PDB file of N, CA and C in Angstrom:
ATOM      1  N   MET A   1     132.380 105.128 119.278  1.00  0.00           N
ATOM      2  CA  MET A   1     133.225 105.197 120.457  1.00  0.00           C
ATOM      3  C   MET A   1     132.544 104.744 121.835  1.00  0.00           C
ATOM      4  N   ILE A   2     131.288 104.551 121.717  1.00  0.00           N
ATOM      5  CA  ILE A   2     130.518 104.225 122.977  1.00  0.00           C
ATOM      6  C   ILE A   2     130.960 102.772 123.416  1.00  0.00           C
ATOM      7  N   SER A   3     131.146 101.869 122.490  1.00  0.00           N
ATOM      8  CA  SER A   3     131.440 100.537 122.880  1.00  0.00           C
ATOM      9  C   SER A   3     132.717 100.391 123.642  1.00  0.00           C
ATOM     10  N   PRO A   4     133.902 100.959 123.247  1.00  0.00           N
ATOM     11  CA  PRO A   4     135.073 100.891 124.081  1.00  0.00           C
ATOM     12  C   PRO A   4     134.899 101.539 125.413  1.00  0.00           C
ATOM     13  N   VAL A   5     134.080 102.644 125.479  1.00  0.00           N
ATOM     14  CA  VAL A   5     133.918 103.333 126.733  1.00  0.00           C
ATOM     15  C   VAL A   5     133.119 102.496 127.676  1.00  0.00           C
ATOM     16  N   SER A   6     132.095 101.798 127.167  1.00  0.00           N
ATOM     17  CA  SER A   6     131.220 101.002 128.063  1.00  0.00           C
ATOM     18  C   SER A   6     131.982  99.727 128.440  1.00  0.00           C
ATOM     19  N   LEU A   7     132.725  99.162 127.636  1.00  0.00           N
ATOM     20  CA  LEU A   7     133.448  97.920 127.939  1.00  0.00           C
ATOM     21  C   LEU A   7     134.519  98.248 129.029  1.00  0.00           C
ATOM     22  N   THR A   8     135.248  99.351 128.827  1.00  0.00           N
ATOM     23  CA  THR A   8     136.325  99.706 129.845  1.00  0.00           C
ATOM     24  C   THR A   8     135.581 100.021 131.135  1.00  0.00           C
ATOM     25  N   ARG A   9     134.519 100.773 131.193  1.00  0.00           N
ATOM     26  CA  ARG A   9     133.807 101.082 132.394  1.00  0.00           C
ATOM     27  C   ARG A   9     133.276  99.887 133.061  1.00  0.00           C
ATOM     28  N   TRP A  10     132.740  98.932 132.264  1.00  0.00           N
ATOM     29  CA  TRP A  10     132.222  97.675 132.792  1.00  0.00           C
ATOM     30  C   TRP A  10     133.301  96.870 133.457  1.00  0.00           C
ATOM     31  N   THR A  11     134.485  96.792 132.785  1.00  0.00           N
ATOM     32  CA  THR A  11     135.477  95.912 133.388  1.00  0.00           C
ATOM     33  C   THR A  11     136.236  96.537 134.577  1.00  0.00           C
ATOM     34  N   ARG A  12     136.040  97.841 134.727  1.00  0.00           N
ATOM     35  CA  ARG A  12     136.615  98.580 135.881  1.00  0.00           C
ATOM     36  C   ARG A  12     135.573  98.826 136.943  1.00  0.00           C
ATOM     37  N   ARG A  13     134.293  98.525 136.739  1.00  0.00           N
ATOM     38  CA  ARG A  13     133.211  98.933 137.663  1.00  0.00           C
ATOM     39  C   ARG A  13     133.490  98.450 139.039  1.00  0.00           C
ATOM     40  N   LYS A  14     133.928  97.150 139.221  1.00  0.00           N
ATOM     41  CA  LYS A  14     134.103  96.677 140.651  1.00  0.00           C
ATOM     42  C   LYS A  14     135.067  97.501 141.330  1.00  0.00           C
ATOM     43  N   ARG A  15     136.119  97.886 140.631  1.00  0.00           N
ATOM     44  CA  ARG A  15     137.209  98.708 141.294  1.00  0.00           C
ATOM     45  C   ARG A  15     136.680 100.143 141.571  1.00  0.00           C
ATOM     46  N   MET A  16     135.933 100.680 140.727  1.00  0.00           N
ATOM     47  CA  MET A  16     135.435 102.043 140.791  1.00  0.00           C
ATOM     48  C   MET A  16     134.221 102.029 141.717  1.00  0.00           C
ATOM     49  N   GLY A  17     133.387 101.074 141.647  1.00  0.00           N
ATOM     50  CA  GLY A  17     132.215 100.967 142.555  1.00  0.00           C
ATOM     51  C   GLY A  17     131.132 102.009 142.259  1.00  0.00           C
ATOM     52  N   SER A  18     130.882 102.365 140.994  1.00  0.00           N
ATOM     53  CA  SER A  18     129.916 103.416 140.719  1.00  0.00           C
ATOM     54  C   SER A  18     129.193 103.211 139.357  1.00  0.00           C
ATOM     55  N   THR A  19     128.249 104.127 139.072  1.00  0.00           N
ATOM     56  CA  THR A  19     127.655 104.068 137.809  1.00  0.00           C
ATOM     57  C   THR A  19     128.326 105.171 136.940  1.00  0.00           C
ATOM     58  N   SER A  20     128.390 104.838 135.684  1.00  0.00           N
ATOM     59  CA  SER A  20     129.056 105.790 134.737  1.00  0.00           C
ATOM     60  C   SER A  20     128.040 106.514 133.862  1.00  0.00           C
ATOM     61  N   ARG A  21     128.499 107.607 133.431  1.00  0.00           N
ATOM     62  CA  ARG A  21     127.681 108.390 132.399  1.00  0.00           C
ATOM     63  C   ARG A  21     128.699 108.631 131.214  1.00  0.00           C
ATOM     64  N   ASN A  22     128.220 108.423 129.958  1.00  0.00           N
ATOM     65  CA  ASN A  22     129.048 108.553 128.786  1.00  0.00           C
ATOM     66  C   ASN A  22     128.725 109.801 128.089  1.00  0.00           C
ATOM     67  N   SER A  23     127.638 110.458 128.440  1.00  0.00           N
ATOM     68  CA  SER A  23     127.261 111.688 127.670  1.00  0.00           C
ATOM     69  C   SER A  23     127.900 112.905 128.336  1.00  0.00           C
ATOM     70  N   ARG A  24     128.218 113.926 127.529  1.00  0.00           N
ATOM     71  CA  ARG A  24     128.862 115.063 128.003  1.00  0.00           C
ATOM     72  C   ARG A  24     127.856 116.104 128.547  1.00  0.00           C
ATOM     73  N   PRO A  25     128.178 116.927 129.472  1.00  0.00           N
ATOM     74  CA  PRO A  25     127.195 118.014 129.872  1.00  0.00           C
ATOM     75  C   PRO A  25     126.843 118.885 128.770  1.00  0.00           C
ATOM     76  N   GLU A  26     125.615 119.315 128.720  1.00  0.00           N
ATOM     77  CA  GLU A  26     125.120 120.170 127.637  1.00  0.00           C
ATOM     78  C   GLU A  26     126.012 121.440 127.497  1.00  0.00           C
ATOM     79  N   THR A  27     126.406 121.996 128.554  1.00  0.00           N
ATOM     80  CA  THR A  27     127.228 123.190 128.443  1.00  0.00           C
ATOM     81  C   THR A  27     128.561 122.934 127.747  1.00  0.00           C
ATOM     82  N   GLU A  28     129.084 121.724 127.838  1.00  0.00           N
ATOM     83  CA  GLU A  28     130.310 121.396 127.127  1.00  0.00           C
ATOM     84  C   GLU A  28     130.128 121.128 125.669  1.00  0.00           C
ATOM     85  N   SER A  29     128.990 120.327 125.317  1.00  0.00           N
ATOM     86  CA  SER A  29     128.781 119.940 123.945  1.00  0.00           C
ATOM     87  C   SER A  29     127.988 121.002 123.291  1.00  0.00           C
ATOM     88  N   GLY A  30     127.174 121.767 123.975  1.00  0.00           N
ATOM     89  CA  GLY A  30     126.324 122.811 123.406  1.00  0.00           C
ATOM     90  C   GLY A  30     125.150 122.179 122.656  1.00  0.00           C
ATOM     91  N   VAL A  31     124.820 120.949 122.780  1.00  0.00           N
ATOM     92  CA  VAL A  31     123.737 120.251 122.008  1.00  0.00           C
ATOM     93  C   VAL A  31     122.472 120.309 122.808  1.00  0.00           C
ATOM     94  N   ARG A  32     121.415 120.873 122.169  1.00  0.00           N
ATOM     95  CA  ARG A  32     120.105 120.925 122.802  1.00  0.00           C
ATOM     96  C   ARG A  32     119.107 120.072 121.984  1.00  0.00           C
ATOM     97  N   LEU A  33     117.943 119.858 122.514  1.00  0.00           N
ATOM     98  CA  LEU A  33     116.932 119.093 121.757  1.00  0.00           C
ATOM     99  C   LEU A  33     116.660 119.824 120.430  1.00  0.00           C
ATOM    100  N   ALA A  34     116.625 121.059 120.380  1.00  0.00           N
ATOM    101  CA  ALA A  34     116.386 121.772 119.114  1.00  0.00           C
ATOM    102  C   ALA A  34     117.495 121.483 118.127  1.00  0.00           C
ATOM    103  N   ASP A  35     118.775 121.301 118.548  1.00  0.00           N
ATOM    104  CA  ASP A  35     119.788 120.964 117.657  1.00  0.00           C
ATOM    105  C   ASP A  35     119.587 119.576 117.070  1.00  0.00           C
ATOM    106  N   CYS A  36     119.159 118.635 117.864  1.00  0.00           N
ATOM    107  CA  CYS A  36     118.947 117.277 117.366  1.00  0.00           C
ATOM    108  C   CYS A  36     117.728 117.262 116.410  1.00  0.00           C
ATOM    109  N   VAL A  37     116.717 118.051 116.567  1.00  0.00           N
ATOM    110  CA  VAL A  37     115.634 118.135 115.656  1.00  0.00           C
ATOM    111  C   VAL A  37     116.119 118.693 114.354  1.00  0.00           C
ATOM    112  N   ALA A  38     116.964 119.753 114.430  1.00  0.00           N
ATOM    113  CA  ALA A  38     117.479 120.328 113.221  1.00  0.00           C
ATOM    114  C   ALA A  38     118.402 119.352 112.366  1.00  0.00           C
ATOM    115  N   TRP A  39     119.168 118.537 113.166  1.00  0.00           N
ATOM    116  CA  TRP A  39     120.020 117.543 112.366  1.00  0.00           C
ATOM    117  C   TRP A  39     119.087 116.491 111.828  1.00  0.00           C
ATOM    118  N   LEU A  40     118.079 116.088 112.501  1.00  0.00           N
ATOM    119  CA  LEU A  40     117.247 115.089 111.896  1.00  0.00           C
ATOM    120  C   LEU A  40     116.512 115.671 110.665  1.00  0.00           C
ATOM    121  N   ARG A  41     116.113 116.941 110.718  1.00  0.00           N
ATOM    122  CA  ARG A  41     115.575 117.525 109.495  1.00  0.00           C
ATOM    123  C   ARG A  41     116.595 117.468 108.294  1.00  0.00           C
ATOM    124  N   ARG A  42     117.869 117.891 108.585  1.00  0.00           N
ATOM    125  CA  ARG A  42     118.856 117.815 107.633  1.00  0.00           C
ATOM    126  C   ARG A  42     119.126 116.503 107.082  1.00  0.00           C
ATOM    127  N   MET A  43     118.848 115.367 107.828  1.00  0.00           N
ATOM    128  CA  MET A  43     118.966 114.062 107.424  1.00  0.00           C
ATOM    129  C   MET A  43     117.855 113.642 106.509  1.00  0.00           C
ATOM    130  N   GLY A  44     116.766 114.512 106.420  1.00  0.00           N
ATOM    131  CA  GLY A  44     115.686 114.166 105.571  1.00  0.00           C
ATOM    132  C   GLY A  44     114.390 113.831 106.278  1.00  0.00           C
ATOM    133  N   TYR A  45     114.407 113.844 107.675  1.00  0.00           N
ATOM    134  CA  TYR A  45     113.137 113.557 108.420  1.00  0.00           C
ATOM    135  C   TYR A  45     112.244 114.798 108.365  1.00  0.00           C
ATOM    136  N   PRO A  46     111.047 114.670 107.855  1.00  0.00           N
ATOM    137  CA  PRO A  46     110.148 115.781 107.675  1.00  0.00           C
ATOM    138  C   PRO A  46     109.322 116.270 108.908  1.00  0.00           C
ATOM    139  N   PHE A  47     109.969 116.851 109.873  1.00  0.00           N
ATOM    140  CA  PHE A  47     109.254 117.342 111.069  1.00  0.00           C
ATOM    141  C   PHE A  47     108.646 118.790 110.642  1.00  0.00           C
ATOM    142  N   ARG A  48     107.434 118.859 110.817  1.00  0.00           N
ATOM    143  CA  ARG A  48     106.780 120.127 110.606  1.00  0.00           C
ATOM    144  C   ARG A  48     106.449 120.847 111.789  1.00  0.00           C
ATOM    145  N   GLU A  49     106.582 122.136 111.869  1.00  0.00           N
ATOM    146  CA  GLU A  49     106.217 122.849 113.103  1.00  0.00           C
ATOM    147  C   GLU A  49     104.723 122.861 113.295  1.00  0.00           C
ATOM    148  N   THR A  50     104.428 122.530 114.526  1.00  0.00           N
ATOM    149  CA  THR A  50     102.952 122.437 114.957  1.00  0.00           C
ATOM    150  C   THR A  50     102.802 123.141 116.263  1.00  0.00           C
ATOM    151  N   ASP A  51     101.729 123.836 116.498  1.00  0.00           N
ATOM    152  CA  ASP A  51     101.434 124.514 117.766  1.00  0.00           C
ATOM    153  C   ASP A  51     101.280 123.359 118.784  1.00  0.00           C
ATOM    154  N   ARG A  52     101.834 123.614 120.016  1.00  0.00           N
ATOM    155  CA  ARG A  52     101.796 122.538 121.037  1.00  0.00           C
ATOM    156  C   ARG A  52     100.479 122.102 121.317  1.00  0.00           C
ATOM    157  N   ASP A  53      99.471 122.964 121.438  1.00  0.00           N
ATOM    158  CA  ASP A  53      98.127 122.549 121.804  1.00  0.00           C
ATOM    159  C   ASP A  53      97.425 121.737 120.708  1.00  0.00           C
ATOM    160  N   GLU A  54      97.738 122.140 119.440  1.00  0.00           N
ATOM    161  CA  GLU A  54      97.198 121.344 118.274  1.00  0.00           C
ATOM    162  C   GLU A  54      97.848 120.029 118.273  1.00  0.00           C
ATOM    163  N   TRP A  55      99.137 119.901 118.438  1.00  0.00           N
ATOM    164  CA  TRP A  55      99.800 118.659 118.474  1.00  0.00           C
ATOM    165  C   TRP A  55      99.315 117.709 119.589  1.00  0.00           C
ATOM    166  N   SER A  56      99.178 118.233 120.758  1.00  0.00           N
ATOM    167  CA  SER A  56      98.624 117.492 121.954  1.00  0.00           C
ATOM    168  C   SER A  56      97.179 116.915 121.653  1.00  0.00           C
ATOM    169  N   ALA A  57      96.415 117.820 121.065  1.00  0.00           N
ATOM    170  CA  ALA A  57      95.027 117.404 120.762  1.00  0.00           C
ATOM    171  C   ALA A  57      95.035 116.328 119.733  1.00  0.00           C
ATOM    172  N   ALA A  58      95.863 116.322 118.696  1.00  0.00           N
ATOM    173  CA  ALA A  58      95.952 115.306 117.668  1.00  0.00           C
ATOM    174  C   ALA A  58      96.429 113.956 118.341  1.00  0.00           C
ATOM    175  N   VAL A  59      97.347 114.064 119.266  1.00  0.00           N
ATOM    176  CA  VAL A  59      97.812 112.828 119.905  1.00  0.00           C
ATOM    177  C   VAL A  59      96.666 112.198 120.745  1.00  0.00           C
ATOM    178  N   ARG A  60      95.909 113.047 121.452  1.00  0.00           N
ATOM    179  CA  ARG A  60      94.836 112.665 122.371  1.00  0.00           C
ATOM    180  C   ARG A  60      93.693 112.075 121.461  1.00  0.00           C
ATOM    181  N   ALA A  61      93.583 112.542 120.373  1.00  0.00           N
ATOM    182  CA  ALA A  61      92.403 112.125 119.492  1.00  0.00           C
ATOM    183  C   ALA A  61      92.654 110.780 118.846  1.00  0.00           C
ATOM    184  N   ASP A  62      93.904 110.295 118.774  1.00  0.00           N
ATOM    185  CA  ASP A  62      94.239 109.075 118.214  1.00  0.00           C
ATOM    186  C   ASP A  62      94.494 108.034 119.227  1.00  0.00           C
ATOM    187  N   ARG A  63      93.464 107.230 119.621  1.00  0.00           N
ATOM    188  CA  ARG A  63      93.622 106.246 120.688  1.00  0.00           C
ATOM    189  C   ARG A  63      94.675 105.152 120.469  1.00  0.00           C
ATOM    190  N   THR A  64      95.167 104.997 119.284  1.00  0.00           N
ATOM    191  CA  THR A  64      96.155 104.104 118.966  1.00  0.00           C
ATOM    192  C   THR A  64      97.571 104.619 118.929  1.00  0.00           C
ATOM    193  N   ASN A  65      97.676 105.933 119.228  1.00  0.00           N
ATOM    194  CA  ASN A  65      98.998 106.599 119.200  1.00  0.00           C
ATOM    195  C   ASN A  65      99.813 106.002 120.373  1.00  0.00           C
ATOM    196  N   ALA A  66     101.024 105.590 120.044  1.00  0.00           N
ATOM    197  CA  ALA A  66     101.915 104.923 121.110  1.00  0.00           C
ATOM    198  C   ALA A  66     102.362 105.904 122.101  1.00  0.00           C
ATOM    199  N   LEU A  67     102.330 107.198 121.867  1.00  0.00           N
ATOM    200  CA  LEU A  67     102.768 108.217 122.796  1.00  0.00           C
ATOM    201  C   LEU A  67     101.653 108.563 123.811  1.00  0.00           C
ATOM    202  N   LEU A  68     100.422 108.194 123.481  1.00  0.00           N
ATOM    203  CA  LEU A  68      99.307 108.566 124.331  1.00  0.00           C
ATOM    204  C   LEU A  68      99.432 108.265 125.811  1.00  0.00           C
ATOM    205  N   PRO A  69      99.871 107.049 126.196  1.00  0.00           N
ATOM    206  CA  PRO A  69     100.076 106.802 127.656  1.00  0.00           C
ATOM    207  C   PRO A  69     101.198 107.550 128.258  1.00  0.00           C
ATOM    208  N   LEU A  70     102.028 108.075 127.498  1.00  0.00           N
ATOM    209  CA  LEU A  70     103.175 108.862 128.009  1.00  0.00           C
ATOM    210  C   LEU A  70     103.080 110.347 127.699  1.00  0.00           C
ATOM    211  N   LEU A  71     101.962 110.774 127.239  1.00  0.00           N
ATOM    212  CA  LEU A  71     101.845 112.203 126.800  1.00  0.00           C
ATOM    213  C   LEU A  71     102.146 113.161 127.887  1.00  0.00           C
ATOM    214  N   HIS A  72     101.603 112.905 129.063  1.00  0.00           N
ATOM    215  CA  HIS A  72     101.829 113.901 130.185  1.00  0.00           C
ATOM    216  C   HIS A  72     103.278 114.019 130.472  1.00  0.00           C
ATOM    217  N   ALA A  73     104.058 112.851 130.549  1.00  0.00           N
ATOM    218  CA  ALA A  73     105.470 112.927 130.848  1.00  0.00           C
ATOM    219  C   ALA A  73     106.223 113.618 129.762  1.00  0.00           C
ATOM    220  N   PHE A  74     105.794 113.319 128.446  1.00  0.00           N
ATOM    221  CA  PHE A  74     106.480 113.844 127.314  1.00  0.00           C
ATOM    222  C   PHE A  74     106.303 115.412 127.334  1.00  0.00           C
ATOM    223  N   GLU A  75     105.049 115.827 127.656  1.00  0.00           N
ATOM    224  CA  GLU A  75     104.869 117.305 127.703  1.00  0.00           C
ATOM    225  C   GLU A  75     105.597 117.919 128.818  1.00  0.00           C
ATOM    226  N   LEU A  76     105.830 117.318 129.869  1.00  0.00           N
ATOM    227  CA  LEU A  76     106.743 117.828 130.954  1.00  0.00           C
ATOM    228  C   LEU A  76     108.181 117.916 130.557  1.00  0.00           C
ATOM    229  N   MET A  77     108.613 116.873 129.840  1.00  0.00           N
ATOM    230  CA  MET A  77     109.995 116.823 129.394  1.00  0.00           C
ATOM    231  C   MET A  77     110.281 117.848 128.272  1.00  0.00           C
ATOM    232  N   THR A  78     109.321 118.169 127.486  1.00  0.00           N
ATOM    233  CA  THR A  78     109.620 119.057 126.314  1.00  0.00           C
ATOM    234  C   THR A  78     109.166 120.510 126.555  1.00  0.00           C
ATOM    235  N   SER A  79     108.451 120.801 127.661  1.00  0.00           N
ATOM    236  CA  SER A  79     108.030 122.111 127.949  1.00  0.00           C
ATOM    237  C   SER A  79     109.144 123.074 128.126  1.00  0.00           C
ATOM    238  N   ASP A  80     110.201 122.641 128.798  1.00  0.00           N
ATOM    239  CA  ASP A  80     111.390 123.457 129.001  1.00  0.00           C
ATOM    240  C   ASP A  80     112.515 122.471 129.146  1.00  0.00           C
ATOM    241  N   THR A  81     113.082 122.110 128.052  1.00  0.00           N
ATOM    242  CA  THR A  81     114.119 121.086 127.977  1.00  0.00           C
ATOM    243  C   THR A  81     115.397 121.559 128.676  1.00  0.00           C
ATOM    244  N   ASP A  82     115.703 122.814 128.697  1.00  0.00           N
ATOM    245  CA  ASP A  82     116.893 123.259 129.381  1.00  0.00           C
ATOM    246  C   ASP A  82     116.754 123.148 130.920  1.00  0.00           C
ATOM    247  N   ALA A  83     115.545 123.316 131.467  1.00  0.00           N
ATOM    248  CA  ALA A  83     115.314 123.188 132.956  1.00  0.00           C
ATOM    249  C   ALA A  83     115.063 121.698 133.308  1.00  0.00           C
ATOM    250  N   PHE A  84     114.447 120.876 132.356  1.00  0.00           N
ATOM    251  CA  PHE A  84     114.009 119.547 132.800  1.00  0.00           C
ATOM    252  C   PHE A  84     115.218 118.623 132.870  1.00  0.00           C
ATOM    253  N   TYR A  85     116.117 118.636 131.856  1.00  0.00           N
ATOM    254  CA  TYR A  85     117.203 117.754 131.853  1.00  0.00           C
ATOM    255  C   TYR A  85     118.411 118.216 132.624  1.00  0.00           C
ATOM    256  N   PRO A  86     118.812 117.419 133.673  1.00  0.00           N
ATOM    257  CA  PRO A  86     119.979 117.903 134.475  1.00  0.00           C
ATOM    258  C   PRO A  86     121.204 117.703 133.679  1.00  0.00           C
ATOM    259  N   GLN A  87     122.291 118.440 134.109  1.00  0.00           N
ATOM    260  CA  GLN A  87     123.568 118.269 133.566  1.00  0.00           C
ATOM    261  C   GLN A  87     124.173 116.900 134.095  1.00  0.00           C
ATOM    262  N   LEU A  88     124.809 116.215 133.258  1.00  0.00           N
ATOM    263  CA  LEU A  88     125.390 114.873 133.715  1.00  0.00           C
ATOM    264  C   LEU A  88     126.926 115.065 133.951  1.00  0.00           C
ATOM    265  N   ASP A  89     127.336 114.641 135.031  1.00  0.00           N
ATOM    266  CA  ASP A  89     128.776 114.673 135.371  1.00  0.00           C
ATOM    267  C   ASP A  89     129.518 113.515 134.815  1.00  0.00           C
ATOM    268  N   THR A  90     130.457 113.604 133.959  1.00  0.00           N
ATOM    269  CA  THR A  90     131.132 112.559 133.408  1.00  0.00           C
ATOM    270  C   THR A  90     132.543 112.385 134.066  1.00  0.00           C
ATOM    271  N   ALA A  91     132.785 112.992 135.210  1.00  0.00           N
ATOM    272  CA  ALA A  91     134.054 112.912 135.824  1.00  0.00           C
ATOM    273  C   ALA A  91     134.482 111.569 136.171  1.00  0.00           C
ATOM    274  N   GLU A  92     133.663 110.683 136.644  1.00  0.00           N
ATOM    275  CA  GLU A  92     133.983 109.284 137.001  1.00  0.00           C
ATOM    276  C   GLU A  92     134.332 108.484 135.779  1.00  0.00           C
ATOM    277  N   THR A  93     133.576 108.703 134.730  1.00  0.00           N
ATOM    278  CA  THR A  93     133.935 108.007 133.469  1.00  0.00           C
ATOM    279  C   THR A  93     135.306 108.411 132.926  1.00  0.00           C
ATOM    280  N   GLU A  94     135.481 109.695 132.907  1.00  0.00           N
ATOM    281  CA  GLU A  94     136.779 110.234 132.502  1.00  0.00           C
ATOM    282  C   GLU A  94     137.911 109.693 133.343  1.00  0.00           C
ATOM    283  N   ALA A  95     137.760 109.601 134.630  1.00  0.00           N
ATOM    284  CA  ALA A  95     138.767 109.110 135.504  1.00  0.00           C
ATOM    285  C   ALA A  95     138.971 107.620 135.241  1.00  0.00           C
ATOM    286  N   ALA A  96     138.021 106.837 134.964  1.00  0.00           N
ATOM    287  CA  ALA A  96     138.112 105.445 134.674  1.00  0.00           C
ATOM    288  C   ALA A  96     138.844 105.188 133.388  1.00  0.00           C
ATOM    289  N   LEU A  97     138.681 106.130 132.388  1.00  0.00           N
ATOM    290  CA  LEU A  97     139.245 105.985 131.109  1.00  0.00           C
ATOM    291  C   LEU A  97     140.718 106.526 131.025  1.00  0.00           C
ATOM    292  N   ALA A  98     141.104 107.256 132.119  1.00  0.00           N
ATOM    293  CA  ALA A  98     142.456 107.865 132.134  1.00  0.00           C
ATOM    294  C   ALA A  98     143.564 106.794 131.834  1.00  0.00           C
ATOM    295  N   GLY A  99     144.374 107.155 130.836  1.00  0.00           N
ATOM    296  CA  GLY A  99     145.403 106.182 130.542  1.00  0.00           C
ATOM    297  C   GLY A  99     145.113 105.094 129.562  1.00  0.00           C
ATOM    298  N   THR A 100     143.805 105.066 129.130  1.00  0.00           N
ATOM    299  CA  THR A 100     143.441 103.908 128.243  1.00  0.00           C
ATOM    300  C   THR A 100     143.538 104.387 126.768  1.00  0.00           C
ATOM    301  N   GLY A 101     143.610 105.677 126.484  1.00  0.00           N
ATOM    302  CA  GLY A 101     143.669 106.162 125.170  1.00  0.00           C
ATOM    303  C   GLY A 101     142.253 106.255 124.546  1.00  0.00           C
ATOM    304  N   ILE A 102     141.215 105.990 125.350  1.00  0.00           N
ATOM    305  CA  ILE A 102     139.895 106.064 124.928  1.00  0.00           C
ATOM    306  C   ILE A 102     139.361 107.376 125.284  1.00  0.00           C
ATOM    307  N   ASP A 103     138.618 108.093 124.367  1.00  0.00           N
ATOM    308  CA  ASP A 103     138.125 109.378 124.673  1.00  0.00           C
ATOM    309  C   ASP A 103     136.660 109.458 124.357  1.00  0.00           C
ATOM    310  N   CYS A 104     135.869 110.281 125.028  1.00  0.00           N
ATOM    311  CA  CYS A 104     134.412 110.383 124.829  1.00  0.00           C
ATOM    312  C   CYS A 104     134.360 111.726 123.978  1.00  0.00           C
ATOM    313  N   PRO A 105     134.149 111.603 122.684  1.00  0.00           N
ATOM    314  CA  PRO A 105     134.126 112.783 121.842  1.00  0.00           C
ATOM    315  C   PRO A 105     132.851 113.534 122.090  1.00  0.00           C
ATOM    316  N   PRO A 106     132.914 114.861 121.904  1.00  0.00           N
ATOM    317  CA  PRO A 106     131.613 115.658 122.020  1.00  0.00           C
ATOM    318  C   PRO A 106     130.705 115.288 120.965  1.00  0.00           C
ATOM    319  N   LEU A 107     129.372 115.426 121.338  1.00  0.00           N
ATOM    320  CA  LEU A 107     128.430 115.114 120.263  1.00  0.00           C
ATOM    321  C   LEU A 107     128.334 116.259 119.194  1.00  0.00           C
ATOM    322  N   THR A 108     128.630 115.820 117.991  1.00  0.00           N
ATOM    323  CA  THR A 108     128.563 116.677 116.890  1.00  0.00           C
ATOM    324  C   THR A 108     127.426 116.215 115.933  1.00  0.00           C
ATOM    325  N   GLU A 109     127.213 116.889 114.956  1.00  0.00           N
ATOM    326  CA  GLU A 109     126.174 116.511 113.960  1.00  0.00           C
ATOM    327  C   GLU A 109     126.620 115.250 113.293  1.00  0.00           C
ATOM    328  N   GLU A 110     127.891 115.075 112.907  1.00  0.00           N
ATOM    329  CA  GLU A 110     128.432 113.889 112.290  1.00  0.00           C
ATOM    330  C   GLU A 110     128.330 112.696 113.215  1.00  0.00           C
ATOM    331  N   LEU A 111     128.612 112.787 114.475  1.00  0.00           N
ATOM    332  CA  LEU A 111     128.496 111.730 115.426  1.00  0.00           C
ATOM    333  C   LEU A 111     127.050 111.302 115.650  1.00  0.00           C
ATOM    334  N   PHE A 112     126.164 112.316 115.725  1.00  0.00           N
ATOM    335  CA  PHE A 112     124.790 112.174 115.839  1.00  0.00           C
ATOM    336  C   PHE A 112     124.211 111.285 114.653  1.00  0.00           C
ATOM    337  N   ALA A 113     124.651 111.688 113.499  1.00  0.00           N
ATOM    338  CA  ALA A 113     124.303 110.829 112.262  1.00  0.00           C
ATOM    339  C   ALA A 113     124.726 109.456 112.266  1.00  0.00           C
ATOM    340  N   THR A 114     125.938 109.292 112.794  1.00  0.00           N
ATOM    341  CA  THR A 114     126.480 107.845 112.904  1.00  0.00           C
ATOM    342  C   THR A 114     125.561 107.079 113.827  1.00  0.00           C
ATOM    343  N   HIS A 115     125.191 107.668 114.935  1.00  0.00           N
ATOM    344  CA  HIS A 115     124.265 106.913 115.914  1.00  0.00           C
ATOM    345  C   HIS A 115     122.926 106.761 115.273  1.00  0.00           C
ATOM    346  N   MET A 116     122.434 107.699 114.489  1.00  0.00           N
ATOM    347  CA  MET A 116     121.085 107.469 113.833  1.00  0.00           C
ATOM    348  C   MET A 116     121.129 106.456 112.825  1.00  0.00           C
ATOM    349  N   ASP A 117     122.248 106.420 112.035  1.00  0.00           N
ATOM    350  CA  ASP A 117     122.362 105.286 110.996  1.00  0.00           C
ATOM    351  C   ASP A 117     122.326 103.976 111.763  1.00  0.00           C
ATOM    352  N   PHE A 118     122.961 103.795 112.842  1.00  0.00           N
ATOM    353  CA  PHE A 118     122.899 102.564 113.600  1.00  0.00           C
ATOM    354  C   PHE A 118     121.491 102.241 113.987  1.00  0.00           C
ATOM    355  N   PHE A 119     120.837 103.161 114.584  1.00  0.00           N
ATOM    356  CA  PHE A 119     119.401 102.956 115.050  1.00  0.00           C
ATOM    357  C   PHE A 119     118.498 102.541 113.887  1.00  0.00           C
ATOM    358  N   VAL A 120     118.717 103.112 112.742  1.00  0.00           N
ATOM    359  CA  VAL A 120     117.929 102.832 111.525  1.00  0.00           C
ATOM    360  C   VAL A 120     118.299 101.444 111.060  1.00  0.00           C
ATOM    361  N   GLU A 121     119.519 101.088 110.965  1.00  0.00           N
ATOM    362  CA  GLU A 121     120.035  99.770 110.539  1.00  0.00           C
ATOM    363  C   GLU A 121     119.453  98.670 111.479  1.00  0.00           C
ATOM    364  N   GLU A 122     119.449  98.948 112.711  1.00  0.00           N
ATOM    365  CA  GLU A 122     118.917  97.971 113.699  1.00  0.00           C
ATOM    366  C   GLU A 122     117.422  97.825 113.872  1.00  0.00           C
ATOM    367  N   GLY A 123     116.703  98.818 113.175  1.00  0.00           N
ATOM    368  CA  GLY A 123     115.241  98.846 113.140  1.00  0.00           C
ATOM    369  C   GLY A 123     114.640  99.513 114.343  1.00  0.00           C
ATOM    370  N   HIS A 124     115.491 100.318 115.050  1.00  0.00           N
ATOM    371  CA  HIS A 124     114.907 101.033 116.222  1.00  0.00           C
ATOM    372  C   HIS A 124     114.406 102.464 115.858  1.00  0.00           C
ATOM    373  N   PHE A 125     114.660 102.863 114.650  1.00  0.00           N
ATOM    374  CA  PHE A 125     114.218 104.175 114.141  1.00  0.00           C
ATOM    375  C   PHE A 125     113.884 103.969 112.684  1.00  0.00           C
ATOM    376  N   PRO A 126     112.814 104.592 112.173  1.00  0.00           N
ATOM    377  CA  PRO A 126     112.451 104.497 110.806  1.00  0.00           C
ATOM    378  C   PRO A 126     113.363 105.155 109.882  1.00  0.00           C
ATOM    379  N   PRO A 127     113.694 104.547 108.688  1.00  0.00           N
ATOM    380  CA  PRO A 127     114.481 105.256 107.634  1.00  0.00           C
ATOM    381  C   PRO A 127     113.739 106.435 107.149  1.00  0.00           C
ATOM    382  N   VAL A 128     114.440 107.375 106.526  1.00  0.00           N
ATOM    383  CA  VAL A 128     113.884 108.543 105.928  1.00  0.00           C
ATOM    384  C   VAL A 128     112.996 108.041 104.811  1.00  0.00           C
ATOM    385  N   GLY A 129     111.821 108.768 104.682  1.00  0.00           N
ATOM    386  CA  GLY A 129     110.974 108.526 103.493  1.00  0.00           C
ATOM    387  C   GLY A 129     109.812 107.861 103.970  1.00  0.00           C
TER     388      GLY A 129
END
């Protein structure tokens, strides 16, 4: 459903004169980072629980780890995800879509899986296994 939303917002942007957000506020969807990790596990991705300090030391020890240059930012983002990520206001997007018949559905496990399937098919995310 993102494509119709993006196309409609793009074609109406000059009239609206603003930036749009397609994601729903966390309080509305109830989706947290922990939910996404649980969904990925149910899809078959083998995330194992690791102590934060142990994980950080392992990343720092591997000079070829792609996350290494971003480790500090990643640690900030994941230390308290509820406090770090601001709520996003979708009011302008919803106003722009009014009367078009296009809706931004809440993020569910099924919709998440649809997006993950796309990312895997396009090579942006590794397949399970």
